[in-house]
Every structure is written in structure tokens, then in C-alpha cells.
Amino acid sequence: MKFISHKILKSAVLLAALGSFATCGAETQQPNGYAISGAALSAIEEDNRAKENYLVIDVRSADEYAAGHIKHAINIPLGELESRLDEINAYKDKNVVLYCNTGNRSGKALDLLKQK
């Protein structure tokens, strides 16, 4: 589990100001994405008050999520992300952390959210 956590932490991507994508089709300001350090993500994971400011999304498959995931993370596989945007919209006032194993899927998820 520790190995998986460290690998996941390294590939996390933070989406600041996700709320600016608000609704599909609306003219909105594009959020800026940037990498978050493993230490910063660990702090969010461990601090129950800090987690209230974040929505952590694991964009890996359901099987990968079941094998181990970051505490408080929800699973929305990359292939389902676009059809589940309404779930994320409810958290538009929070910062969103996207992660996968390598950064590839989380990067694609970031691009999709920026488009929407």
C-alpha cells in the first residue's frame, strides 16, 4: 500500500479554482492546473479539516482504485469523467486534485475539465 501511495502522490495534479468551469457550454474562465507535491497531498489526506477544501478524484479504473487509493478520494475513471461532470459541479467551490499512476490520465482529465 505504501508503494502505491507514493506512486499516486507523485502523479497528483491540482486543479485550482475548478469552480470556474461551473457549467458545460457556459462562457467561463479556464482553471489553471499545476502539480501538487506528495507532501502537500499527504497533508490534505491527514488533516480532516484541510480535506474539506479539496475534492480528490482518482481517475484510474475501479479495479486500480479498489487495490488502493488516497484517503477521502472518490473514483471517477477517466472514461466516465465527461458523463459524470454533474457530480464534480457540486464541488465547484473546492480545489480539485486529480491523480492516476503516471500523470497521463490525470493530465487528460485536467484537459477535459479545462474544456468544459
PDB file of N, CA and C in Angstrom:
ATOM      1  N   MET A   1       0.826  -1.196   0.000  1.00  0.00           N
ATOM      2  CA  MET A   1       0.000   0.000   0.000  1.00  0.00           C
ATOM      3  C   MET A   1       0.867   1.256   0.000  1.00  0.00           C
ATOM      4  N   LYS A   2       1.973   1.249   0.747  1.00  0.00           N
ATOM      5  CA  LYS A   2       2.855   2.413   0.791  1.00  0.00           C
ATOM      6  C   LYS A   2       3.410   2.723  -0.587  1.00  0.00           C
ATOM      7  N   PHE A   3       3.823   1.672  -1.334  1.00  0.00           N
ATOM      8  CA  PHE A   3       4.363   1.867  -2.670  1.00  0.00           C
ATOM      9  C   PHE A   3       3.325   2.526  -3.564  1.00  0.00           C
ATOM     10  N   ILE A   4       2.096   2.026  -3.514  1.00  0.00           N
ATOM     11  CA  ILE A   4       1.024   2.589  -4.328  1.00  0.00           C
ATOM     12  C   ILE A   4       0.788   4.037  -3.939  1.00  0.00           C
ATOM     13  N   SER A   5       0.737   4.332  -2.648  1.00  0.00           N
ATOM     14  CA  SER A   5       0.511   5.700  -2.195  1.00  0.00           C
ATOM     15  C   SER A   5       1.588   6.636  -2.699  1.00  0.00           C
ATOM     16  N   HIS A   6       2.854   6.238  -2.616  1.00  0.00           N
ATOM     17  CA  HIS A   6       3.930   7.098  -3.074  1.00  0.00           C
ATOM     18  C   HIS A   6       3.848   7.322  -4.572  1.00  0.00           C
ATOM     19  N   LYS A   7       3.524   6.289  -5.317  1.00  0.00           N
ATOM     20  CA  LYS A   7       3.400   6.411  -6.760  1.00  0.00           C
ATOM     21  C   LYS A   7       2.242   7.336  -7.113  1.00  0.00           C
ATOM     22  N   ILE A   8       1.138   7.193  -6.395  1.00  0.00           N
ATOM     23  CA  ILE A   8      -0.032   8.034  -6.629  1.00  0.00           C
ATOM     24  C   ILE A   8       0.289   9.472  -6.278  1.00  0.00           C
ATOM     25  N   LEU A   9       0.930   9.689  -5.150  1.00  0.00           N
ATOM     26  CA  LEU A   9       1.237  11.035  -4.710  1.00  0.00           C
ATOM     27  C   LEU A   9       2.097  11.775  -5.721  1.00  0.00           C
ATOM     28  N   LYS A  10       3.037  11.084  -6.323  1.00  0.00           N
ATOM     29  CA  LYS A  10       3.925  11.714  -7.294  1.00  0.00           C
ATOM     30  C   LYS A  10       3.178  12.182  -8.528  1.00  0.00           C
ATOM     31  N   SER A  11       2.066  11.541  -8.857  1.00  0.00           N
ATOM     32  CA  SER A  11       1.380  11.865 -10.102  1.00  0.00           C
ATOM     33  C   SER A  11       0.145  12.736  -9.905  1.00  0.00           C
ATOM     34  N   ALA A  12      -0.080  13.225  -8.714  1.00  0.00           N
ATOM     35  CA  ALA A  12      -1.268  14.033  -8.456  1.00  0.00           C
ATOM     36  C   ALA A  12      -1.186  15.375  -9.173  1.00  0.00           C
ATOM     37  N   VAL A  13      -2.308  15.830  -9.633  1.00  0.00           N
ATOM     38  CA  VAL A  13      -2.391  17.120 -10.299  1.00  0.00           C
ATOM     39  C   VAL A  13      -3.477  17.927  -9.609  1.00  0.00           C
ATOM     40  N   LEU A  14      -3.148  19.152  -9.252  1.00  0.00           N
ATOM     41  CA  LEU A  14      -4.126  20.003  -8.575  1.00  0.00           C
ATOM     42  C   LEU A  14      -4.758  20.953  -9.567  1.00  0.00           C
ATOM     43  N   LEU A  15      -6.037  21.036  -9.537  1.00  0.00           N
ATOM     44  CA  LEU A  15      -6.766  21.993 -10.348  1.00  0.00           C
ATOM     45  C   LEU A  15      -7.244  23.108  -9.429  1.00  0.00           C
ATOM     46  N   ALA A  16      -6.628  24.248  -9.516  1.00  0.00           N
ATOM     47  CA  ALA A  16      -7.043  25.371  -8.677  1.00  0.00           C
ATOM     48  C   ALA A  16      -8.259  26.028  -9.307  1.00  0.00           C
ATOM     49  N   ALA A  17      -9.150  26.431  -8.501  1.00  0.00           N
ATOM     50  CA  ALA A  17     -10.331  27.180  -8.935  1.00  0.00           C
ATOM     51  C   ALA A  17     -11.186  26.412  -9.937  1.00  0.00           C
ATOM     52  N   LEU A  18     -11.470  25.160  -9.640  1.00  0.00           N
ATOM     53  CA  LEU A  18     -12.294  24.354 -10.524  1.00  0.00           C
ATOM     54  C   LEU A  18     -13.671  24.985 -10.715  1.00  0.00           C
ATOM     55  N   GLY A  19     -14.116  25.705  -9.752  1.00  0.00           N
ATOM     56  CA  GLY A  19     -15.434  26.316  -9.833  1.00  0.00           C
ATOM     57  C   GLY A  19     -15.635  27.174 -11.057  1.00  0.00           C
ATOM     58  N   SER A  20     -14.555  27.634 -11.667  1.00  0.00           N
ATOM     59  CA  SER A  20     -14.714  28.496 -12.828  1.00  0.00           C
ATOM     60  C   SER A  20     -15.221  27.747 -14.050  1.00  0.00           C
ATOM     61  N   PHE A  21     -15.228  26.403 -14.012  1.00  0.00           N
ATOM     62  CA  PHE A  21     -15.786  25.699 -15.165  1.00  0.00           C
ATOM     63  C   PHE A  21     -17.287  25.505 -15.008  1.00  0.00           C
ATOM     64  N   ALA A  22     -17.814  25.729 -13.847  1.00  0.00           N
ATOM     65  CA  ALA A  22     -19.218  25.732 -13.456  1.00  0.00           C
ATOM     66  C   ALA A  22     -20.149  24.866 -14.297  1.00  0.00           C
ATOM     67  N   THR A  23     -20.541  25.297 -15.469  1.00  0.00           N
ATOM     68  CA  THR A  23     -21.486  24.504 -16.237  1.00  0.00           C
ATOM     69  C   THR A  23     -20.993  24.322 -17.657  1.00  0.00           C
ATOM     70  N   CYS A  24     -21.347  23.209 -18.248  1.00  0.00           N
ATOM     71  CA  CYS A  24     -20.935  22.929 -19.619  1.00  0.00           C
ATOM     72  C   CYS A  24     -21.581  23.928 -20.566  1.00  0.00           C
ATOM     73  N   GLY A  25     -20.808  24.417 -21.511  1.00  0.00           N
ATOM     74  CA  GLY A  25     -21.335  25.327 -22.514  1.00  0.00           C
ATOM     75  C   GLY A  25     -21.331  26.780 -22.107  1.00  0.00           C
ATOM     76  N   ALA A  26     -21.117  27.084 -20.852  1.00  0.00           N
ATOM     77  CA  ALA A  26     -21.119  28.470 -20.403  1.00  0.00           C
ATOM     78  C   ALA A  26     -19.770  29.116 -20.693  1.00  0.00           C
ATOM     79  N   GLU A  27     -19.774  30.409 -20.920  1.00  0.00           N
ATOM     80  CA  GLU A  27     -18.527  31.145 -21.086  1.00  0.00           C
ATOM     81  C   GLU A  27     -17.918  31.305 -19.698  1.00  0.00           C
ATOM     82  N   THR A  28     -16.777  30.667 -19.484  1.00  0.00           N
ATOM     83  CA  THR A  28     -16.147  30.721 -18.168  1.00  0.00           C
ATOM     84  C   THR A  28     -14.657  30.888 -18.312  1.00  0.00           C
ATOM     85  N   GLN A  29     -14.033  31.303 -17.250  1.00  0.00           N
ATOM     86  CA  GLN A  29     -12.586  31.418 -17.219  1.00  0.00           C
ATOM     87  C   GLN A  29     -12.000  30.020 -17.056  1.00  0.00           C
ATOM     88  N   GLN A  30     -10.931  29.705 -17.779  1.00  0.00           N
ATOM     89  CA  GLN A  30     -10.293  28.399 -17.707  1.00  0.00           C
ATOM     90  C   GLN A  30      -9.490  28.285 -16.410  1.00  0.00           C
ATOM     91  N   PRO A  31      -9.647  27.185 -15.654  1.00  0.00           N
ATOM     92  CA  PRO A  31      -8.826  26.996 -14.461  1.00  0.00           C
ATOM     93  C   PRO A  31      -7.395  26.651 -14.863  1.00  0.00           C
ATOM     94  N   ASN A  32      -6.454  26.979 -14.021  1.00  0.00           N
ATOM     95  CA  ASN A  32      -5.053  26.630 -14.253  1.00  0.00           C
ATOM     96  C   ASN A  32      -4.728  25.375 -13.479  1.00  0.00           C
ATOM     97  N   GLY A  33      -4.059  24.445 -14.109  1.00  0.00           N
ATOM     98  CA  GLY A  33      -3.657  23.218 -13.445  1.00  0.00           C
ATOM     99  C   GLY A  33      -2.193  23.282 -13.100  1.00  0.00           C
ATOM    100  N   TYR A  34      -1.839  22.688 -11.984  1.00  0.00           N
ATOM    101  CA  TYR A  34      -0.438  22.592 -11.622  1.00  0.00           C
ATOM    102  C   TYR A  34      -0.231  21.380 -10.741  1.00  0.00           C
ATOM    103  N   ALA A  35       0.992  20.906 -10.701  1.00  0.00           N
ATOM    104  CA  ALA A  35       1.315  19.707  -9.924  1.00  0.00           C
ATOM    105  C   ALA A  35       1.333  20.031  -8.444  1.00  0.00           C
ATOM    106  N   ILE A  36       0.932  19.074  -7.662  1.00  0.00           N
ATOM    107  CA  ILE A  36       0.966  19.208  -6.209  1.00  0.00           C
ATOM    108  C   ILE A  36       2.002  18.207  -5.692  1.00  0.00           C
ATOM    109  N   SER A  37       2.741  18.606  -4.699  1.00  0.00           N
ATOM    110  CA  SER A  37       3.768  17.711  -4.168  1.00  0.00           C
ATOM    111  C   SER A  37       3.141  16.600  -3.339  1.00  0.00           C
ATOM    112  N   GLY A  38       3.875  15.512  -3.209  1.00  0.00           N
ATOM    113  CA  GLY A  38       3.405  14.409  -2.380  1.00  0.00           C
ATOM    114  C   GLY A  38       3.211  14.833  -0.937  1.00  0.00           C
ATOM    115  N   ALA A  39       4.096  15.700  -0.446  1.00  0.00           N
ATOM    116  CA  ALA A  39       3.983  16.180   0.934  1.00  0.00           C
ATOM    117  C   ALA A  39       2.706  16.991   1.128  1.00  0.00           C
ATOM    118  N   ALA A  40       2.384  17.835   0.142  1.00  0.00           N
ATOM    119  CA  ALA A  40       1.170  18.640   0.244  1.00  0.00           C
ATOM    120  C   ALA A  40      -0.069  17.759   0.214  1.00  0.00           C
ATOM    121  N   LEU A  41      -0.061  16.753  -0.646  1.00  0.00           N
ATOM    122  CA  LEU A  41      -1.201  15.841  -0.719  1.00  0.00           C
ATOM    123  C   LEU A  41      -1.319  15.008   0.553  1.00  0.00           C
ATOM    124  N   SER A  42      -0.202  14.605   1.109  1.00  0.00           N
ATOM    125  CA  SER A  42      -0.229  13.871   2.379  1.00  0.00           C
ATOM    126  C   SER A  42      -0.848  14.717   3.485  1.00  0.00           C
ATOM    127  N   ALA A  43      -0.529  16.008   3.487  1.00  0.00           N
ATOM    128  CA  ALA A  43      -1.093  16.913   4.497  1.00  0.00           C
ATOM    129  C   ALA A  43      -2.608  17.007   4.349  1.00  0.00           C
ATOM    130  N   ILE A  44      -3.084  17.073   3.104  1.00  0.00           N
ATOM    131  CA  ILE A  44      -4.524  17.113   2.856  1.00  0.00           C
ATOM    132  C   ILE A  44      -5.166  15.813   3.318  1.00  0.00           C
ATOM    133  N   GLU A  45      -4.509  14.711   3.011  1.00  0.00           N
ATOM    134  CA  GLU A  45      -5.031  13.385   3.349  1.00  0.00           C
ATOM    135  C   GLU A  45      -5.141  13.199   4.857  1.00  0.00           C
ATOM    136  N   GLU A  46      -4.195  13.712   5.601  1.00  0.00           N
ATOM    137  CA  GLU A  46      -4.150  13.505   7.052  1.00  0.00           C
ATOM    138  C   GLU A  46      -4.954  14.521   7.853  1.00  0.00           C
ATOM    139  N   ASP A  47      -5.155  15.718   7.337  1.00  0.00           N
ATOM    140  CA  ASP A  47      -5.836  16.785   8.074  1.00  0.00           C
ATOM    141  C   ASP A  47      -7.312  16.788   7.688  1.00  0.00           C
ATOM    142  N   ASN A  48      -8.157  16.307   8.587  1.00  0.00           N
ATOM    143  CA  ASN A  48      -9.580  16.208   8.280  1.00  0.00           C
ATOM    144  C   ASN A  48     -10.218  17.558   7.989  1.00  0.00           C
ATOM    145  N   ARG A  49      -9.686  18.637   8.554  1.00  0.00           N
ATOM    146  CA  ARG A  49     -10.222  19.955   8.233  1.00  0.00           C
ATOM    147  C   ARG A  49      -9.757  20.411   6.854  1.00  0.00           C
ATOM    148  N   ALA A  50      -8.521  20.143   6.496  1.00  0.00           N
ATOM    149  CA  ALA A  50      -7.998  20.536   5.184  1.00  0.00           C
ATOM    150  C   ALA A  50      -8.728  19.818   4.062  1.00  0.00           C
ATOM    151  N   LYS A  51      -9.121  18.566   4.295  1.00  0.00           N
ATOM    152  CA  LYS A  51      -9.793  17.805   3.240  1.00  0.00           C
ATOM    153  C   LYS A  51     -11.113  18.443   2.829  1.00  0.00           C
ATOM    154  N   GLU A  52     -11.690  19.248   3.698  1.00  0.00           N
ATOM    155  CA  GLU A  52     -12.948  19.916   3.376  1.00  0.00           C
ATOM    156  C   GLU A  52     -12.788  20.939   2.253  1.00  0.00           C
ATOM    157  N   ASN A  53     -11.554  21.369   1.992  1.00  0.00           N
ATOM    158  CA  ASN A  53     -11.284  22.355   0.945  1.00  0.00           C
ATOM    159  C   ASN A  53     -10.974  21.722  -0.403  1.00  0.00           C
ATOM    160  N   TYR A  54     -10.926  20.401  -0.455  1.00  0.00           N
ATOM    161  CA  TYR A  54     -10.494  19.692  -1.651  1.00  0.00           C
ATOM    162  C   TYR A  54     -11.460  18.583  -2.041  1.00  0.00           C
ATOM    163  N   LEU A  55     -11.510  18.329  -3.332  1.00  0.00           N
ATOM    164  CA  LEU A  55     -12.160  17.143  -3.862  1.00  0.00           C
ATOM    165  C   LEU A  55     -11.050  16.359  -4.540  1.00  0.00           C
ATOM    166  N   VAL A  56     -10.746  15.180  -4.043  1.00  0.00           N
ATOM    167  CA  VAL A  56      -9.678  14.350  -4.592  1.00  0.00           C
ATOM    168  C   VAL A  56     -10.328  13.286  -5.464  1.00  0.00           C
ATOM    169  N   ILE A  57      -9.952  13.282  -6.755  1.00  0.00           N
ATOM    170  CA  ILE A  57     -10.538  12.351  -7.719  1.00  0.00           C
ATOM    171  C   ILE A  57      -9.463  11.427  -8.260  1.00  0.00           C
ATOM    172  N   ASP A  58      -9.681  10.148  -8.079  1.00  0.00           N
ATOM    173  CA  ASP A  58      -8.831   9.100  -8.633  1.00  0.00           C
ATOM    174  C   ASP A  58      -9.403   8.763 -10.005  1.00  0.00           C
ATOM    175  N   VAL A  59      -8.654   9.073 -11.082  1.00  0.00           N
ATOM    176  CA  VAL A  59      -9.164   8.840 -12.433  1.00  0.00           C
ATOM    177  C   VAL A  59      -8.735   7.491 -13.001  1.00  0.00           C
ATOM    178  N   ARG A  60      -8.219   6.613 -12.126  1.00  0.00           N
ATOM    179  CA  ARG A  60      -7.839   5.261 -12.542  1.00  0.00           C
ATOM    180  C   ARG A  60      -9.087   4.386 -12.627  1.00  0.00           C
ATOM    181  N   SER A  61      -8.922   3.167 -13.077  1.00  0.00           N
ATOM    182  CA  SER A  61     -10.049   2.231 -13.176  1.00  0.00           C
ATOM    183  C   SER A  61     -10.568   1.866 -11.786  1.00  0.00           C
ATOM    184  N   ALA A  62     -11.765   1.315 -11.751  1.00  0.00           N
ATOM    185  CA  ALA A  62     -12.360   0.882 -10.483  1.00  0.00           C
ATOM    186  C   ALA A  62     -11.498  -0.187  -9.809  1.00  0.00           C
ATOM    187  N   ASP A  63     -10.908  -1.089 -10.592  1.00  0.00           N
ATOM    188  CA  ASP A  63     -10.041  -2.133 -10.030  1.00  0.00           C
ATOM    189  C   ASP A  63      -8.788  -1.525  -9.399  1.00  0.00           C
ATOM    190  N   GLU A  64      -8.178  -0.551 -10.071  1.00  0.00           N
ATOM    191  CA  GLU A  64      -7.000   0.113  -9.520  1.00  0.00           C
ATOM    192  C   GLU A  64      -7.350   0.850  -8.230  1.00  0.00           C
ATOM    193  N   TYR A  65      -8.499   1.514  -8.225  1.00  0.00           N
ATOM    194  CA  TYR A  65      -8.972   2.221  -7.034  1.00  0.00           C
ATOM    195  C   TYR A  65      -9.173   1.247  -5.874  1.00  0.00           C
ATOM    196  N   ALA A  66      -9.798   0.115  -6.176  1.00  0.00           N
ATOM    197  CA  ALA A  66     -10.059  -0.891  -5.148  1.00  0.00           C
ATOM    198  C   ALA A  66      -8.767  -1.466  -4.572  1.00  0.00           C
ATOM    199  N   ALA A  67      -7.723  -1.508  -5.375  1.00  0.00           N
ATOM    200  CA  ALA A  67      -6.435  -2.044  -4.916  1.00  0.00           C
ATOM    201  C   ALA A  67      -5.720  -1.093  -3.952  1.00  0.00           C
ATOM    202  N   GLY A  68      -6.122   0.146  -3.909  1.00  0.00           N
ATOM    203  CA  GLY A  68      -5.528   1.130  -3.011  1.00  0.00           C
ATOM    204  C   GLY A  68      -5.691   2.527  -3.559  1.00  0.00           C
ATOM    205  N   HIS A  69      -6.091   3.450  -2.691  1.00  0.00           N
ATOM    206  CA  HIS A  69      -6.305   4.824  -3.128  1.00  0.00           C
ATOM    207  C   HIS A  69      -6.037   5.792  -1.981  1.00  0.00           C
ATOM    208  N   ILE A  70      -5.944   7.048  -2.329  1.00  0.00           N
ATOM    209  CA  ILE A  70      -5.730   8.099  -1.340  1.00  0.00           C
ATOM    210  C   ILE A  70      -6.981   8.240  -0.482  1.00  0.00           C
ATOM    211  N   LYS A  71      -6.772   8.404   0.800  1.00  0.00           N
ATOM    212  CA  LYS A  71      -7.867   8.583   1.755  1.00  0.00           C
ATOM    213  C   LYS A  71      -8.749   9.749   1.304  1.00  0.00           C
ATOM    214  N   HIS A  72     -10.028   9.586   1.361  1.00  0.00           N
ATOM    215  CA  HIS A  72     -11.057  10.572   1.008  1.00  0.00           C
ATOM    216  C   HIS A  72     -11.248  10.741  -0.496  1.00  0.00           C
ATOM    217  N   ALA A  73     -10.493  10.019  -1.323  1.00  0.00           N
ATOM    218  CA  ALA A  73     -10.627  10.154  -2.775  1.00  0.00           C
ATOM    219  C   ALA A  73     -11.879   9.446  -3.261  1.00  0.00           C
ATOM    220  N   ILE A  74     -12.491  10.028  -4.286  1.00  0.00           N
ATOM    221  CA  ILE A  74     -13.594   9.354  -4.967  1.00  0.00           C
ATOM    222  C   ILE A  74     -13.051   8.827  -6.292  1.00  0.00           C
ATOM    223  N   ASN A  75     -13.690   7.815  -6.823  1.00  0.00           N
ATOM    224  CA  ASN A  75     -13.234   7.216  -8.074  1.00  0.00           C
ATOM    225  C   ASN A  75     -14.155   7.619  -9.209  1.00  0.00           C
ATOM    226  N   ILE A  76     -13.592   8.343 -10.165  1.00  0.00           N
ATOM    227  CA  ILE A  76     -14.279   8.636 -11.420  1.00  0.00           C
ATOM    228  C   ILE A  76     -13.271   8.307 -12.516  1.00  0.00           C
ATOM    229  N   PRO A  77     -13.338   7.094 -13.072  1.00  0.00           N
ATOM    230  CA  PRO A  77     -12.385   6.718 -14.124  1.00  0.00           C
ATOM    231  C   PRO A  77     -12.422   7.721 -15.278  1.00  0.00           C
ATOM    232  N   LEU A  78     -11.279   7.936 -15.888  1.00  0.00           N
ATOM    233  CA  LEU A  78     -11.166   8.919 -16.968  1.00  0.00           C
ATOM    234  C   LEU A  78     -12.250   8.739 -18.019  1.00  0.00           C
ATOM    235  N   GLY A  79     -12.531   7.504 -18.409  1.00  0.00           N
ATOM    236  CA  GLY A  79     -13.540   7.237 -19.427  1.00  0.00           C
ATOM    237  C   GLY A  79     -14.954   7.639 -19.032  1.00  0.00           C
ATOM    238  N   GLU A  80     -15.208   7.830 -17.744  1.00  0.00           N
ATOM    239  CA  GLU A  80     -16.530   8.212 -17.248  1.00  0.00           C
ATOM    240  C   GLU A  80     -16.613   9.685 -16.860  1.00  0.00           C
ATOM    241  N   LEU A  81     -15.492  10.367 -16.879  1.00  0.00           N
ATOM    242  CA  LEU A  81     -15.429  11.731 -16.339  1.00  0.00           C
ATOM    243  C   LEU A  81     -16.416  12.678 -17.006  1.00  0.00           C
ATOM    244  N   GLU A  82     -16.438  12.690 -18.319  1.00  0.00           N
ATOM    245  CA  GLU A  82     -17.313  13.639 -19.018  1.00  0.00           C
ATOM    246  C   GLU A  82     -18.781  13.405 -18.688  1.00  0.00           C
ATOM    247  N   SER A  83     -19.199  12.153 -18.566  1.00  0.00           N
ATOM    248  CA  SER A  83     -20.596  11.855 -18.270  1.00  0.00           C
ATOM    249  C   SER A  83     -20.945  12.085 -16.793  1.00  0.00           C
ATOM    250  N   ARG A  84     -19.940  12.306 -15.951  1.00  0.00           N
ATOM    251  CA  ARG A  84     -20.183  12.497 -14.514  1.00  0.00           C
ATOM    252  C   ARG A  84     -19.804  13.898 -14.037  1.00  0.00           C
ATOM    253  N   LEU A  85     -19.749  14.856 -14.946  1.00  0.00           N
ATOM    254  CA  LEU A  85     -19.372  16.228 -14.586  1.00  0.00           C
ATOM    255  C   LEU A  85     -20.316  16.848 -13.560  1.00  0.00           C
ATOM    256  N   ASP A  86     -21.588  16.448 -13.570  1.00  0.00           N
ATOM    257  CA  ASP A  86     -22.540  16.992 -12.604  1.00  0.00           C
ATOM    258  C   ASP A  86     -22.117  16.690 -11.173  1.00  0.00           C
ATOM    259  N   GLU A  87     -21.491  15.538 -10.947  1.00  0.00           N
ATOM    260  CA  GLU A  87     -21.015  15.189  -9.608  1.00  0.00           C
ATOM    261  C   GLU A  87     -19.921  16.147  -9.148  1.00  0.00           C
ATOM    262  N   ILE A  88     -19.076  16.544 -10.059  1.00  0.00           N
ATOM    263  CA  ILE A  88     -17.980  17.447  -9.733  1.00  0.00           C
ATOM    264  C   ILE A  88     -18.489  18.873  -9.581  1.00  0.00           C
ATOM    265  N   ASN A  89     -19.464  19.249 -10.364  1.00  0.00           N
ATOM    266  CA  ASN A  89     -20.013  20.597 -10.326  1.00  0.00           C
ATOM    267  C   ASN A  89     -20.523  20.954  -8.927  1.00  0.00           C
ATOM    268  N   ALA A  90     -20.987  19.961  -8.196  1.00  0.00           N
ATOM    269  CA  ALA A  90     -21.454  20.198  -6.833  1.00  0.00           C
ATOM    270  C   ALA A  90     -20.332  20.671  -5.913  1.00  0.00           C
ATOM    271  N   TYR A  91     -19.075  20.467  -6.329  1.00  0.00           N
ATOM    272  CA  TYR A  91     -17.912  20.843  -5.532  1.00  0.00           C
ATOM    273  C   TYR A  91     -17.170  22.027  -6.141  1.00  0.00           C
ATOM    274  N   LYS A  92     -17.868  22.881  -6.886  1.00  0.00           N
ATOM    275  CA  LYS A  92     -17.202  23.945  -7.620  1.00  0.00           C
ATOM    276  C   LYS A  92     -16.509  24.974  -6.726  1.00  0.00           C
ATOM    277  N   ASP A  93     -16.819  24.989  -5.452  1.00  0.00           N
ATOM    278  CA  ASP A  93     -16.150  25.919  -4.536  1.00  0.00           C
ATOM    279  C   ASP A  93     -14.877  25.327  -3.932  1.00  0.00           C
ATOM    280  N   LYS A  94     -14.532  24.113  -4.310  1.00  0.00           N
ATOM    281  CA  LYS A  94     -13.352  23.444  -3.761  1.00  0.00           C
ATOM    282  C   LYS A  94     -12.253  23.329  -4.804  1.00  0.00           C
ATOM    283  N   ASN A  95     -11.032  23.155  -4.331  1.00  0.00           N
ATOM    284  CA  ASN A  95      -9.926  22.805  -5.213  1.00  0.00           C
ATOM    285  C   ASN A  95     -10.051  21.324  -5.523  1.00  0.00           C
ATOM    286  N   VAL A  96      -9.707  20.942  -6.744  1.00  0.00           N
ATOM    287  CA  VAL A  96      -9.826  19.556  -7.165  1.00  0.00           C
ATOM    288  C   VAL A  96      -8.441  18.988  -7.413  1.00  0.00           C
ATOM    289  N   VAL A  97      -8.193  17.813  -6.857  1.00  0.00           N
ATOM    290  CA  VAL A  97      -6.942  17.091  -7.075  1.00  0.00           C
ATOM    291  C   VAL A  97      -7.282  15.869  -7.907  1.00  0.00           C
ATOM    292  N   LEU A  98      -6.615  15.749  -9.060  1.00  0.00           N
ATOM    293  CA  LEU A  98      -6.791  14.600  -9.942  1.00  0.00           C
ATOM    294  C   LEU A  98      -5.533  13.762  -9.855  1.00  0.00           C
ATOM    295  N   TYR A  99      -5.675  12.450  -9.787  1.00  0.00           N
ATOM    296  CA  TYR A  99      -4.468  11.619  -9.791  1.00  0.00           C
ATOM    297  C   TYR A  99      -4.704  10.284 -10.468  1.00  0.00           C
ATOM    298  N   CYS A 100      -3.565   9.719 -10.921  1.00  0.00           N
ATOM    299  CA  CYS A 100      -3.524   8.391 -11.521  1.00  0.00           C
ATOM    300  C   CYS A 100      -2.148   7.809 -11.189  1.00  0.00           C
ATOM    301  N   ASN A 101      -1.719   6.785 -11.883  1.00  0.00           N
ATOM    302  CA  ASN A 101      -0.412   6.176 -11.593  1.00  0.00           C
ATOM    303  C   ASN A 101       0.766   6.946 -12.167  1.00  0.00           C
ATOM    304  N   THR A 102       0.592   7.508 -13.357  1.00  0.00           N
ATOM    305  CA  THR A 102       1.733   8.125 -14.039  1.00  0.00           C
ATOM    306  C   THR A 102       1.574   9.602 -14.342  1.00  0.00           C
ATOM    307  N   GLY A 103       0.387  10.135 -14.224  1.00  0.00           N
ATOM    308  CA  GLY A 103       0.120  11.519 -14.592  1.00  0.00           C
ATOM    309  C   GLY A 103      -0.511  11.644 -15.970  1.00  0.00           C
ATOM    310  N   ASN A 104      -0.528  10.565 -16.741  1.00  0.00           N
ATOM    311  CA  ASN A 104      -1.098  10.593 -18.078  1.00  0.00           C
ATOM    312  C   ASN A 104      -2.617  10.796 -18.031  1.00  0.00           C
ATOM    313  N   ARG A 105      -3.308   9.933 -17.321  1.00  0.00           N
ATOM    314  CA  ARG A 105      -4.776  10.041 -17.249  1.00  0.00           C
ATOM    315  C   ARG A 105      -5.209  11.290 -16.499  1.00  0.00           C
ATOM    316  N   SER A 106      -4.502  11.640 -15.427  1.00  0.00           N
ATOM    317  CA  SER A 106      -4.879  12.854 -14.694  1.00  0.00           C
ATOM    318  C   SER A 106      -4.652  14.083 -15.568  1.00  0.00           C
ATOM    319  N   GLY A 107      -3.623  14.073 -16.404  1.00  0.00           N
ATOM    320  CA  GLY A 107      -3.398  15.169 -17.341  1.00  0.00           C
ATOM    321  C   GLY A 107      -4.513  15.284 -18.364  1.00  0.00           C
ATOM    322  N   LYS A 108      -4.976  14.138 -18.873  1.00  0.00           N
ATOM    323  CA  LYS A 108      -6.096  14.130 -19.811  1.00  0.00           C
ATOM    324  C   LYS A 108      -7.377  14.610 -19.120  1.00  0.00           C
ATOM    325  N   ALA A 109      -7.550  14.201 -17.866  1.00  0.00           N
ATOM    326  CA  ALA A 109      -8.719  14.646 -17.103  1.00  0.00           C
ATOM    327  C   ALA A 109      -8.671  16.165 -16.901  1.00  0.00           C
ATOM    328  N   LEU A 110      -7.496  16.689 -16.614  1.00  0.00           N
ATOM    329  CA  LEU A 110      -7.328  18.131 -16.464  1.00  0.00           C
ATOM    330  C   LEU A 110      -7.713  18.838 -17.758  1.00  0.00           C
ATOM    331  N   ASP A 111      -7.226  18.338 -18.890  1.00  0.00           N
ATOM    332  CA  ASP A 111      -7.552  18.944 -20.177  1.00  0.00           C
ATOM    333  C   ASP A 111      -9.065  18.929 -20.420  1.00  0.00           C
ATOM    334  N   LEU A 112      -9.709  17.816 -20.102  1.00  0.00           N
ATOM    335  CA  LEU A 112     -11.156  17.703 -20.284  1.00  0.00           C
ATOM    336  C   LEU A 112     -11.888  18.718 -19.414  1.00  0.00           C
ATOM    337  N   LEU A 113     -11.498  18.820 -18.153  1.00  0.00           N
ATOM    338  CA  LEU A 113     -12.163  19.770 -17.262  1.00  0.00           C
ATOM    339  C   LEU A 113     -11.925  21.210 -17.707  1.00  0.00           C
ATOM    340  N   LYS A 114     -10.768  21.503 -18.216  1.00  0.00           N
ATOM    341  CA  LYS A 114     -10.486  22.849 -18.711  1.00  0.00           C
ATOM    342  C   LYS A 114     -11.371  23.169 -19.923  1.00  0.00           C
ATOM    343  N   GLN A 115     -11.628  22.166 -20.768  1.00  0.00           N
ATOM    344  CA  GLN A 115     -12.500  22.368 -21.932  1.00  0.00           C
ATOM    345  C   GLN A 115     -13.935  22.647 -21.511  1.00  0.00           C
ATOM    346  N   LYS A 116     -14.354  21.986 -20.457  1.00  0.00           N
ATOM    347  CA  LYS A 116     -15.744  22.093 -20.015  1.00  0.00           C
ATOM    348  C   LYS A 116     -15.943  23.286 -19.102  1.00  0.00           C
TER     349      LYS A 116
END
